[in-house]
């Protein structure tokens, strides 16, 4: 007896729930409520997470960003994530790493 496989229906492969939507909204509220600090940060920190970089300098090419962000941080120039060492190649680690700190803040040149 042959098993008949129905045609692919994308909507049957998408998980939807109001709880997930609320979780995302809560995460965004938390992210938007975290304090802004100057670079480099006052102390080194460990861990993973999401970060945003805002430009408020007066370099001519970024004048539009300065105008948008001069009174309120509204438009980041970059949003990124710090992940534990080994994460990208599937190696499990304990989750605490300062590797993200070095990559993010070590590569930024302050003008």
PDB file of N, CA and C in Angstrom:
ATOM      1  N   UNK A   1       0.839  -1.179   0.000  1.00  0.00           N
ATOM      2  CA  UNK A   1       0.000   0.000   0.000  1.00  0.00           C
ATOM      3  C   UNK A   1       0.890   1.250   0.000  1.00  0.00           C
ATOM      4  N   UNK A   2       0.607   2.179  -0.862  1.00  0.00           N
ATOM      5  CA  UNK A   2       1.389   3.402  -1.003  1.00  0.00           C
ATOM      6  C   UNK A   2       0.790   4.506  -0.131  1.00  0.00           C
ATOM      7  N   UNK A   3       1.662   5.200   0.611  1.00  0.00           N
ATOM      8  CA  UNK A   3       1.219   6.336   1.432  1.00  0.00           C
ATOM      9  C   UNK A   3       1.149   7.571   0.548  1.00  0.00           C
ATOM     10  N   UNK A   4      -0.004   8.223   0.580  1.00  0.00           N
ATOM     11  CA  UNK A   4      -0.169   9.425  -0.219  1.00  0.00           C
ATOM     12  C   UNK A   4       0.250  10.649   0.604  1.00  0.00           C
ATOM     13  N   UNK A   5       1.125  11.451   0.034  1.00  0.00           N
ATOM     14  CA  UNK A   5       1.610  12.666   0.699  1.00  0.00           C
ATOM     15  C   UNK A   5       0.877  13.850   0.088  1.00  0.00           C
ATOM     16  N   UNK A   6       0.185  14.635   0.929  1.00  0.00           N
ATOM     17  CA  UNK A   6      -0.552  15.785   0.402  1.00  0.00           C
ATOM     18  C   UNK A   6       0.409  16.864  -0.095  1.00  0.00           C
ATOM     19  N   UNK A   7      -0.076  17.755  -0.955  1.00  0.00           N
ATOM     20  CA  UNK A   7       0.779  18.848  -1.430  1.00  0.00           C
ATOM     21  C   UNK A   7       1.152  19.781  -0.264  1.00  0.00           C
ATOM     22  N   UNK A   8       2.278  20.439  -0.416  1.00  0.00           N
ATOM     23  CA  UNK A   8       2.777  21.358   0.614  1.00  0.00           C
ATOM     24  C   UNK A   8       1.829  22.537   0.772  1.00  0.00           C
ATOM     25  N   UNK A   9       1.490  22.840   2.034  1.00  0.00           N
ATOM     26  CA  UNK A   9       0.666  24.007   2.349  1.00  0.00           C
ATOM     27  C   UNK A   9       1.417  24.813   3.412  1.00  0.00           C
ATOM     28  N   UNK A  10       1.984  25.917   2.999  1.00  0.00           N
ATOM     29  CA  UNK A  10       2.841  26.731   3.876  1.00  0.00           C
ATOM     30  C   UNK A  10       2.177  27.084   5.196  1.00  0.00           C
ATOM     31  N   UNK A  11       0.922  27.468   5.176  1.00  0.00           N
ATOM     32  CA  UNK A  11       0.233  27.902   6.403  1.00  0.00           C
ATOM     33  C   UNK A  11       0.175  26.803   7.467  1.00  0.00           C
ATOM     34  N   UNK A  12       0.288  25.574   7.069  1.00  0.00           N
ATOM     35  CA  UNK A  12       0.282  24.475   8.049  1.00  0.00           C
ATOM     36  C   UNK A  12       1.645  24.270   8.714  1.00  0.00           C
ATOM     37  N   UNK A  13       2.645  25.021   8.276  1.00  0.00           N
ATOM     38  CA  UNK A  13       4.000  24.908   8.816  1.00  0.00           C
ATOM     39  C   UNK A  13       4.428  26.154   9.586  1.00  0.00           C
ATOM     40  N   UNK A  14       3.502  27.052   9.835  1.00  0.00           N
ATOM     41  CA  UNK A  14       3.812  28.292  10.550  1.00  0.00           C
ATOM     42  C   UNK A  14       3.127  28.270  11.903  1.00  0.00           C
ATOM     43  N   UNK A  15       3.922  28.432  12.938  1.00  0.00           N
ATOM     44  CA  UNK A  15       3.395  28.461  14.301  1.00  0.00           C
ATOM     45  C   UNK A  15       2.966  29.875  14.636  1.00  0.00           C
ATOM     46  N   UNK A  16       1.733  30.031  15.059  1.00  0.00           N
ATOM     47  CA  UNK A  16       1.213  31.341  15.438  1.00  0.00           C
ATOM     48  C   UNK A  16       0.531  31.230  16.804  1.00  0.00           C
ATOM     49  N   UNK A  17       0.812  32.199  17.650  1.00  0.00           N
ATOM     50  CA  UNK A  17       0.151  32.266  18.947  1.00  0.00           C
ATOM     51  C   UNK A  17       0.235  33.688  19.473  1.00  0.00           C
ATOM     52  N   UNK A  18      -0.803  34.132  20.153  1.00  0.00           N
ATOM     53  CA  UNK A  18      -0.804  35.470  20.736  1.00  0.00           C
ATOM     54  C   UNK A  18       0.253  35.585  21.831  1.00  0.00           C
ATOM     55  N   UNK A  19       0.539  34.486  22.530  1.00  0.00           N
ATOM     56  CA  UNK A  19       1.540  34.504  23.591  1.00  0.00           C
ATOM     57  C   UNK A  19       2.915  34.862  23.026  1.00  0.00           C
ATOM     58  N   UNK A  20       3.228  34.333  21.843  1.00  0.00           N
ATOM     59  CA  UNK A  20       4.511  34.638  21.208  1.00  0.00           C
ATOM     60  C   UNK A  20       4.564  36.116  20.828  1.00  0.00           C
ATOM     61  N   UNK A  21       3.471  36.640  20.275  1.00  0.00           N
ATOM     62  CA  UNK A  21       3.417  38.059  19.922  1.00  0.00           C
ATOM     63  C   UNK A  21       3.642  38.927  21.151  1.00  0.00           C
ATOM     64  N   UNK A  22       3.034  38.565  22.274  1.00  0.00           N
ATOM     65  CA  UNK A  22       3.211  39.329  23.510  1.00  0.00           C
ATOM     66  C   UNK A  22       4.648  39.241  24.023  1.00  0.00           C
ATOM     67  N   UNK A  23       5.259  38.077  23.875  1.00  0.00           N
ATOM     68  CA  UNK A  23       6.652  37.911  24.278  1.00  0.00           C
ATOM     69  C   UNK A  23       7.554  38.835  23.466  1.00  0.00           C
ATOM     70  N   UNK A  24       7.354  38.887  22.169  1.00  0.00           N
ATOM     71  CA  UNK A  24       8.144  39.770  21.308  1.00  0.00           C
ATOM     72  C   UNK A  24       7.945  41.229  21.709  1.00  0.00           C
ATOM     73  N   UNK A  25       6.704  41.616  21.973  1.00  0.00           N
ATOM     74  CA  UNK A  25       6.431  42.990  22.398  1.00  0.00           C
ATOM     75  C   UNK A  25       7.130  43.302  23.719  1.00  0.00           C
ATOM     76  N   UNK A  26       7.128  42.347  24.639  1.00  0.00           N
ATOM     77  CA  UNK A  26       7.791  42.530  25.925  1.00  0.00           C
ATOM     78  C   UNK A  26       9.300  42.683  25.742  1.00  0.00           C
ATOM     79  N   UNK A  27       9.879  41.891  24.855  1.00  0.00           N
ATOM     80  CA  UNK A  27      11.315  41.980  24.579  1.00  0.00           C
ATOM     81  C   UNK A  27      11.652  43.344  23.985  1.00  0.00           C
ATOM     82  N   UNK A  28      10.845  43.818  23.065  1.00  0.00           N
ATOM     83  CA  UNK A  28      11.082  45.128  22.447  1.00  0.00           C
ATOM     84  C   UNK A  28      10.966  46.245  23.485  1.00  0.00           C
ATOM     85  N   UNK A  29       9.972  46.152  24.372  1.00  0.00           N
ATOM     86  CA  UNK A  29       9.837  47.160  25.443  1.00  0.00           C
ATOM     87  C   UNK A  29      11.072  47.168  26.335  1.00  0.00           C
ATOM     88  N   UNK A  30      11.563  45.977  26.685  1.00  0.00           N
ATOM     89  CA  UNK A  30      12.763  45.888  27.512  1.00  0.00           C
ATOM     90  C   UNK A  30      13.959  46.500  26.790  1.00  0.00           C
ATOM     91  N   UNK A  31      14.151  46.117  25.535  1.00  0.00           N
ATOM     92  CA  UNK A  31      15.278  46.625  24.747  1.00  0.00           C
ATOM     93  C   UNK A  31      15.228  48.144  24.658  1.00  0.00           C
ATOM     94  N   UNK A  32      14.069  48.693  24.352  1.00  0.00           N
ATOM     95  CA  UNK A  32      13.924  50.147  24.221  1.00  0.00           C
ATOM     96  C   UNK A  32      14.078  50.871  25.551  1.00  0.00           C
ATOM     97  N   UNK A  33      13.894  50.163  26.665  1.00  0.00           N
ATOM     98  CA  UNK A  33      14.011  50.781  27.982  1.00  0.00           C
ATOM     99  C   UNK A  33      15.388  50.678  28.610  1.00  0.00           C
ATOM    100  N   UNK A  34      16.314  49.962  27.959  1.00  0.00           N
ATOM    101  CA  UNK A  34      17.649  49.850  28.538  1.00  0.00           C
ATOM    102  C   UNK A  34      18.396  51.169  28.371  1.00  0.00           C
ATOM    103  N   UNK A  35      19.243  51.517  29.333  1.00  0.00           N
ATOM    104  CA  UNK A  35      19.936  52.814  29.251  1.00  0.00           C
ATOM    105  C   UNK A  35      20.987  52.847  28.135  1.00  0.00           C
ATOM    106  N   UNK A  36      21.186  54.017  27.589  1.00  0.00           N
ATOM    107  CA  UNK A  36      22.206  54.265  26.576  1.00  0.00           C
ATOM    108  C   UNK A  36      23.503  54.602  27.311  1.00  0.00           C
ATOM    109  N   UNK A  37      24.621  54.053  26.847  1.00  0.00           N
ATOM    110  CA  UNK A  37      25.928  54.364  27.428  1.00  0.00           C
ATOM    111  C   UNK A  37      26.882  54.772  26.323  1.00  0.00           C
ATOM    112  N   UNK A  38      27.884  55.571  26.687  1.00  0.00           N
ATOM    113  CA  UNK A  38      28.922  55.949  25.731  1.00  0.00           C
ATOM    114  C   UNK A  38      29.864  54.782  25.510  1.00  0.00           C
ATOM    115  N   UNK A  39      30.520  54.790  24.355  1.00  0.00           N
ATOM    116  CA  UNK A  39      31.536  53.780  24.062  1.00  0.00           C
ATOM    117  C   UNK A  39      32.914  54.341  24.371  1.00  0.00           C
ATOM    118  N   UNK A  40      33.797  53.534  24.867  1.00  0.00           N
ATOM    119  CA  UNK A  40      33.561  52.178  25.336  1.00  0.00           C
ATOM    120  C   UNK A  40      32.779  52.198  26.645  1.00  0.00           C
ATOM    121  N   UNK A  41      32.098  51.099  26.980  1.00  0.00           N
ATOM    122  CA  UNK A  41      31.353  51.063  28.242  1.00  0.00           C
ATOM    123  C   UNK A  41      32.308  51.194  29.433  1.00  0.00           C
ATOM    124  N   UNK A  42      31.801  51.627  30.583  1.00  0.00           N
ATOM    125  CA  UNK A  42      32.665  51.858  31.740  1.00  0.00           C
ATOM    126  C   UNK A  42      33.340  50.600  32.279  1.00  0.00           C
ATOM    127  N   UNK A  43      32.780  49.433  32.004  1.00  0.00           N
ATOM    128  CA  UNK A  43      33.392  48.188  32.469  1.00  0.00           C
ATOM    129  C   UNK A  43      33.124  47.075  31.469  1.00  0.00           C
ATOM    130  N   UNK A  44      33.997  46.094  31.468  1.00  0.00           N
ATOM    131  CA  UNK A  44      33.839  44.926  30.613  1.00  0.00           C
ATOM    132  C   UNK A  44      32.714  44.067  31.171  1.00  0.00           C
ATOM    133  N   UNK A  45      31.970  43.420  30.294  1.00  0.00           N
ATOM    134  CA  UNK A  45      30.887  42.563  30.758  1.00  0.00           C
ATOM    135  C   UNK A  45      30.878  41.274  29.962  1.00  0.00           C
ATOM    136  N   UNK A  46      30.354  40.239  30.570  1.00  0.00           N
ATOM    137  CA  UNK A  46      30.243  38.930  29.931  1.00  0.00           C
ATOM    138  C   UNK A  46      28.796  38.678  29.552  1.00  0.00           C
ATOM    139  N   UNK A  47      28.604  37.828  28.588  1.00  0.00           N
ATOM    140  CA  UNK A  47      27.250  37.394  28.278  1.00  0.00           C
ATOM    141  C   UNK A  47      26.869  37.607  26.839  1.00  0.00           C
ATOM    142  N   UNK A  48      25.679  37.148  26.548  1.00  0.00           N
ATOM    143  CA  UNK A  48      25.136  37.254  25.203  1.00  0.00           C
ATOM    144  C   UNK A  48      23.994  38.260  25.220  1.00  0.00           C
ATOM    145  N   UNK A  49      23.596  38.701  24.060  1.00  0.00           N
ATOM    146  CA  UNK A  49      22.473  39.626  24.006  1.00  0.00           C
ATOM    147  C   UNK A  49      22.414  40.390  22.708  1.00  0.00           C
ATOM    148  N   UNK A  50      21.488  41.303  22.663  1.00  0.00           N
ATOM    149  CA  UNK A  50      21.271  42.156  21.505  1.00  0.00           C
ATOM    150  C   UNK A  50      21.694  43.568  21.884  1.00  0.00           C
ATOM    151  N   UNK A  51      22.287  44.276  20.941  1.00  0.00           N
ATOM    152  CA  UNK A  51      22.736  45.633  21.213  1.00  0.00           C
ATOM    153  C   UNK A  51      22.461  46.510  19.990  1.00  0.00           C
ATOM    154  N   UNK A  52      22.427  47.807  20.227  1.00  0.00           N
ATOM    155  CA  UNK A  52      22.260  48.764  19.133  1.00  0.00           C
ATOM    156  C   UNK A  52      23.296  49.867  19.304  1.00  0.00           C
ATOM    157  N   UNK A  53      23.810  50.348  18.188  1.00  0.00           N
ATOM    158  CA  UNK A  53      24.748  51.466  18.187  1.00  0.00           C
ATOM    159  C   UNK A  53      24.059  52.658  17.540  1.00  0.00           C
ATOM    160  N   UNK A  54      24.117  53.792  18.224  1.00  0.00           N
ATOM    161  CA  UNK A  54      23.508  55.019  17.721  1.00  0.00           C
ATOM    162  C   UNK A  54      24.607  56.028  17.426  1.00  0.00           C
ATOM    163  N   UNK A  55      24.464  56.745  16.337  1.00  0.00           N
ATOM    164  CA  UNK A  55      25.450  57.758  15.975  1.00  0.00           C
ATOM    165  C   UNK A  55      24.887  59.138  16.281  1.00  0.00           C
ATOM    166  N   UNK A  56      25.656  59.929  17.034  1.00  0.00           N
ATOM    167  CA  UNK A  56      25.220  61.303  17.334  1.00  0.00           C
ATOM    168  C   UNK A  56      26.339  62.306  17.064  1.00  0.00           C
ATOM    169  N   UNK A  57      27.336  61.870  16.288  1.00  0.00           N
ATOM    170  CA  UNK A  57      28.417  62.775  15.911  1.00  0.00           C
ATOM    171  C   UNK A  57      27.972  63.713  14.806  1.00  0.00           C
ATOM    172  N   UNK A  58      28.885  64.544  14.364  1.00  0.00           N
ATOM    173  CA  UNK A  58      28.529  65.535  13.347  1.00  0.00           C
ATOM    174  C   UNK A  58      29.268  65.307  12.027  1.00  0.00           C
ATOM    175  N   UNK A  59      29.700  64.059  11.775  1.00  0.00           N
ATOM    176  CA  UNK A  59      30.349  63.735  10.513  1.00  0.00           C
ATOM    177  C   UNK A  59      29.345  63.960   9.384  1.00  0.00           C
ATOM    178  N   UNK A  60      29.777  64.654   8.343  1.00  0.00           N
ATOM    179  CA  UNK A  60      28.887  65.107   7.272  1.00  0.00           C
ATOM    180  C   UNK A  60      28.050  63.982   6.638  1.00  0.00           C
ATOM    181  N   UNK A  61      28.665  62.812   6.390  1.00  0.00           N
ATOM    182  CA  UNK A  61      27.932  61.718   5.744  1.00  0.00           C
ATOM    183  C   UNK A  61      26.803  61.168   6.611  1.00  0.00           C
ATOM    184  N   UNK A  62      26.885  61.362   7.923  1.00  0.00           N
ATOM    185  CA  UNK A  62      25.865  60.844   8.839  1.00  0.00           C
ATOM    186  C   UNK A  62      24.984  61.958   9.411  1.00  0.00           C
ATOM    187  N   UNK A  63      24.914  63.080   8.709  1.00  0.00           N
ATOM    188  CA  UNK A  63      24.145  64.227   9.188  1.00  0.00           C
ATOM    189  C   UNK A  63      22.681  63.865   9.462  1.00  0.00           C
ATOM    190  N   UNK A  64      22.078  63.066   8.598  1.00  0.00           N
ATOM    191  CA  UNK A  64      20.669  62.674   8.764  1.00  0.00           C
ATOM    192  C   UNK A  64      20.482  61.889  10.066  1.00  0.00           C
ATOM    193  N   UNK A  65      21.403  60.970  10.385  1.00  0.00           N
ATOM    194  CA  UNK A  65      21.321  60.223  11.645  1.00  0.00           C
ATOM    195  C   UNK A  65      21.459  61.154  12.840  1.00  0.00           C
ATOM    196  N   UNK A  66      22.353  62.114  12.733  1.00  0.00           N
ATOM    197  CA  UNK A  66      22.512  63.088  13.822  1.00  0.00           C
ATOM    198  C   UNK A  66      21.201  63.831  14.052  1.00  0.00           C
ATOM    199  N   UNK A  67      20.583  64.278  12.987  1.00  0.00           N
ATOM    200  CA  UNK A  67      19.326  65.026  13.111  1.00  0.00           C
ATOM    201  C   UNK A  67      18.223  64.172  13.733  1.00  0.00           C
ATOM    202  N   UNK A  68      18.158  62.902  13.365  1.00  0.00           N
ATOM    203  CA  UNK A  68      17.132  61.998  13.905  1.00  0.00           C
ATOM    204  C   UNK A  68      17.391  61.691  15.377  1.00  0.00           C
ATOM    205  N   UNK A  69      18.664  61.489  15.742  1.00  0.00           N
ATOM    206  CA  UNK A  69      19.015  61.026  17.092  1.00  0.00           C
ATOM    207  C   UNK A  69      19.454  62.124  18.054  1.00  0.00           C
ATOM    208  N   UNK A  70      19.500  63.373  17.638  1.00  0.00           N
ATOM    209  CA  UNK A  70      20.067  64.405  18.506  1.00  0.00           C
ATOM    210  C   UNK A  70      19.248  64.671  19.771  1.00  0.00           C
ATOM    211  N   UNK A  71      17.953  64.473  19.741  1.00  0.00           N
ATOM    212  CA  UNK A  71      17.122  64.698  20.921  1.00  0.00           C
ATOM    213  C   UNK A  71      16.663  63.405  21.581  1.00  0.00           C
ATOM    214  N   UNK A  72      16.593  62.350  20.793  1.00  0.00           N
ATOM    215  CA  UNK A  72      16.119  61.054  21.286  1.00  0.00           C
ATOM    216  C   UNK A  72      16.730  59.960  20.409  1.00  0.00           C
ATOM    217  N   UNK A  73      17.213  58.879  21.028  1.00  0.00           N
ATOM    218  CA  UNK A  73      17.805  57.782  20.267  1.00  0.00           C
ATOM    219  C   UNK A  73      16.690  56.990  19.596  1.00  0.00           C
ATOM    220  N   UNK A  74      16.479  57.256  18.309  1.00  0.00           N
ATOM    221  CA  UNK A  74      15.368  56.632  17.598  1.00  0.00           C
ATOM    222  C   UNK A  74      15.803  55.690  16.490  1.00  0.00           C
ATOM    223  N   UNK A  75      16.968  55.937  15.880  1.00  0.00           N
ATOM    224  CA  UNK A  75      17.377  55.136  14.730  1.00  0.00           C
ATOM    225  C   UNK A  75      18.824  54.683  14.892  1.00  0.00           C
ATOM    226  N   UNK A  76      19.029  53.415  15.226  1.00  0.00           N
ATOM    227  CA  UNK A  76      20.407  52.934  15.375  1.00  0.00           C
ATOM    228  C   UNK A  76      21.112  52.836  14.024  1.00  0.00           C
ATOM    229  N   UNK A  77      22.418  53.006  14.059  1.00  0.00           N
ATOM    230  CA  UNK A  77      23.215  52.822  12.852  1.00  0.00           C
ATOM    231  C   UNK A  77      23.509  51.338  12.650  1.00  0.00           C
ATOM    232  N   UNK A  78      23.393  50.567  13.745  1.00  0.00           N
ATOM    233  CA  UNK A  78      23.673  49.129  13.679  1.00  0.00           C
ATOM    234  C   UNK A  78      22.962  48.425  14.827  1.00  0.00           C
ATOM    235  N   UNK A  79      22.380  47.257  14.546  1.00  0.00           N
ATOM    236  CA  UNK A  79      21.808  46.388  15.568  1.00  0.00           C
ATOM    237  C   UNK A  79      22.470  45.030  15.387  1.00  0.00           C
ATOM    238  N   UNK A  80      22.970  44.467  16.479  1.00  0.00           N
ATOM    239  CA  UNK A  80      23.666  43.196  16.381  1.00  0.00           C
ATOM    240  C   UNK A  80      23.381  42.310  17.571  1.00  0.00           C
ATOM    241  N   UNK A  81      24.036  41.163  17.579  1.00  0.00           N
ATOM    242  CA  UNK A  81      23.871  40.233  18.687  1.00  0.00           C
ATOM    243  C   UNK A  81      25.241  39.699  19.080  1.00  0.00           C
ATOM    244  N   UNK A  82      25.403  39.469  20.358  1.00  0.00           N
ATOM    245  CA  UNK A  82      26.591  38.811  20.879  1.00  0.00           C
ATOM    246  C   UNK A  82      26.170  37.396  21.245  1.00  0.00           C
ATOM    247  N   UNK A  83      26.897  36.420  20.740  1.00  0.00           N
ATOM    248  CA  UNK A  83      26.541  35.020  20.974  1.00  0.00           C
ATOM    249  C   UNK A  83      27.689  34.314  21.683  1.00  0.00           C
ATOM    250  N   UNK A  84      27.395  33.218  22.371  1.00  0.00           N
ATOM    251  CA  UNK A  84      28.463  32.489  23.055  1.00  0.00           C
ATOM    252  C   UNK A  84      29.469  31.905  22.070  1.00  0.00           C
ATOM    253  N   UNK A  85      30.705  31.777  22.512  1.00  0.00           N
ATOM    254  CA  UNK A  85      31.742  31.172  21.696  1.00  0.00           C
ATOM    255  C   UNK A  85      31.307  29.777  21.267  1.00  0.00           C
ATOM    256  N   UNK A  86      31.484  29.448  20.000  1.00  0.00           N
ATOM    257  CA  UNK A  86      31.110  28.141  19.486  1.00  0.00           C
ATOM    258  C   UNK A  86      29.686  28.065  18.964  1.00  0.00           C
ATOM    259  N   UNK A  87      28.885  29.099  19.190  1.00  0.00           N
ATOM    260  CA  UNK A  87      27.468  29.090  18.811  1.00  0.00           C
ATOM    261  C   UNK A  87      27.280  28.937  17.308  1.00  0.00           C
ATOM    262  N   UNK A  88      28.086  29.619  16.535  1.00  0.00           N
ATOM    263  CA  UNK A  88      27.891  29.621  15.084  1.00  0.00           C
ATOM    264  C   UNK A  88      28.190  28.272  14.435  1.00  0.00           C
ATOM    265  N   UNK A  89      29.010  27.454  15.087  1.00  0.00           N
ATOM    266  CA  UNK A  89      29.302  26.157  14.491  1.00  0.00           C
ATOM    267  C   UNK A  89      28.694  25.012  15.291  1.00  0.00           C
ATOM    268  N   UNK A  90      27.723  25.311  16.148  1.00  0.00           N
ATOM    269  CA  UNK A  90      26.947  24.292  16.832  1.00  0.00           C
ATOM    270  C   UNK A  90      27.607  23.666  18.042  1.00  0.00           C
ATOM    271  N   UNK A  91      28.700  24.229  18.512  1.00  0.00           N
ATOM    272  CA  UNK A  91      29.348  23.679  19.699  1.00  0.00           C
ATOM    273  C   UNK A  91      28.721  24.290  20.938  1.00  0.00           C
ATOM    274  N   UNK A  92      28.350  23.458  21.859  1.00  0.00           N
ATOM    275  CA  UNK A  92      27.674  23.927  23.064  1.00  0.00           C
ATOM    276  C   UNK A  92      28.689  24.482  24.056  1.00  0.00           C
ATOM    277  N   UNK A  93      28.384  25.633  24.595  1.00  0.00           N
ATOM    278  CA  UNK A  93      29.209  26.275  25.614  1.00  0.00           C
ATOM    279  C   UNK A  93      28.308  26.627  26.784  1.00  0.00           C
ATOM    280  N   UNK A  94      28.878  27.156  27.839  1.00  0.00           N
ATOM    281  CA  UNK A  94      28.085  27.480  29.027  1.00  0.00           C
ATOM    282  C   UNK A  94      27.275  28.760  28.888  1.00  0.00           C
ATOM    283  N   UNK A  95      27.467  29.510  27.807  1.00  0.00           N
ATOM    284  CA  UNK A  95      26.661  30.708  27.576  1.00  0.00           C
ATOM    285  C   UNK A  95      27.301  31.984  28.059  1.00  0.00           C
ATOM    286  N   UNK A  96      28.328  31.912  28.901  1.00  0.00           N
ATOM    287  CA  UNK A  96      28.968  33.145  29.340  1.00  0.00           C
ATOM    288  C   UNK A  96      30.242  33.344  28.548  1.00  0.00           C
ATOM    289  N   UNK A  97      30.358  34.488  27.938  1.00  0.00           N
ATOM    290  CA  UNK A  97      31.521  34.762  27.113  1.00  0.00           C
ATOM    291  C   UNK A  97      31.713  36.255  27.013  1.00  0.00           C
ATOM    292  N   UNK A  98      32.944  36.688  27.037  1.00  0.00           N
ATOM    293  CA  UNK A  98      33.229  38.097  26.795  1.00  0.00           C
ATOM    294  C   UNK A  98      33.685  38.284  25.357  1.00  0.00           C
ATOM    295  N   UNK A  99      33.591  37.218  24.565  1.00  0.00           N
ATOM    296  CA  UNK A  99      33.998  37.250  23.168  1.00  0.00           C
ATOM    297  C   UNK A  99      33.231  38.331  22.406  1.00  0.00           C
ATOM    298  N   UNK A 100      31.935  38.453  22.680  1.00  0.00           N
ATOM    299  CA  UNK A 100      31.121  39.469  22.016  1.00  0.00           C
ATOM    300  C   UNK A 100      31.602  40.871  22.330  1.00  0.00           C
ATOM    301  N   UNK A 101      32.027  41.097  23.563  1.00  0.00           N
ATOM    302  CA  UNK A 101      32.540  42.400  23.981  1.00  0.00           C
ATOM    303  C   UNK A 101      33.740  42.783  23.118  1.00  0.00           C
ATOM    304  N   UNK A 102      34.672  41.849  22.977  1.00  0.00           N
ATOM    305  CA  UNK A 102      35.882  42.122  22.211  1.00  0.00           C
ATOM    306  C   UNK A 102      35.551  42.395  20.750  1.00  0.00           C
ATOM    307  N   UNK A 103      34.635  41.629  20.179  1.00  0.00           N
ATOM    308  CA  UNK A 103      34.286  41.820  18.780  1.00  0.00           C
ATOM    309  C   UNK A 103      33.582  43.143  18.541  1.00  0.00           C
ATOM    310  N   UNK A 104      32.674  43.496  19.412  1.00  0.00           N
ATOM    311  CA  UNK A 104      31.887  44.703  19.198  1.00  0.00           C
ATOM    312  C   UNK A 104      32.695  45.945  19.501  1.00  0.00           C
ATOM    313  N   UNK A 105      33.232  46.054  20.696  1.00  0.00           N
ATOM    314  CA  UNK A 105      33.863  47.299  21.113  1.00  0.00           C
ATOM    315  C   UNK A 105      35.332  47.371  20.718  1.00  0.00           C
ATOM    316  N   UNK A 106      35.943  46.225  20.475  1.00  0.00           N
ATOM    317  CA  UNK A 106      37.335  46.231  20.047  1.00  0.00           C
ATOM    318  C   UNK A 106      37.506  46.679  18.617  1.00  0.00           C
ATOM    319  N   UNK A 107      36.454  46.586  17.818  1.00  0.00           N
ATOM    320  CA  UNK A 107      36.567  46.936  16.414  1.00  0.00           C
ATOM    321  C   UNK A 107      36.046  48.348  16.106  1.00  0.00           C
ATOM    322  N   UNK A 108      35.592  49.051  17.122  1.00  0.00           N
ATOM    323  CA  UNK A 108      35.067  50.400  16.899  1.00  0.00           C
ATOM    324  C   UNK A 108      36.166  51.413  17.192  1.00  0.00           C
ATOM    325  N   UNK A 109      36.430  52.265  16.245  1.00  0.00           N
ATOM    326  CA  UNK A 109      37.402  53.323  16.433  1.00  0.00           C
ATOM    327  C   UNK A 109      36.643  54.590  16.783  1.00  0.00           C
ATOM    328  N   UNK A 110      36.976  55.161  17.909  1.00  0.00           N
ATOM    329  CA  UNK A 110      36.306  56.391  18.306  1.00  0.00           C
ATOM    330  C   UNK A 110      36.987  57.578  17.649  1.00  0.00           C
ATOM    331  N   UNK A 111      36.193  58.461  17.074  1.00  0.00           N
ATOM    332  CA  UNK A 111      36.737  59.631  16.386  1.00  0.00           C
ATOM    333  C   UNK A 111      36.849  60.812  17.329  1.00  0.00           C
TER     334      UNK A 111
END
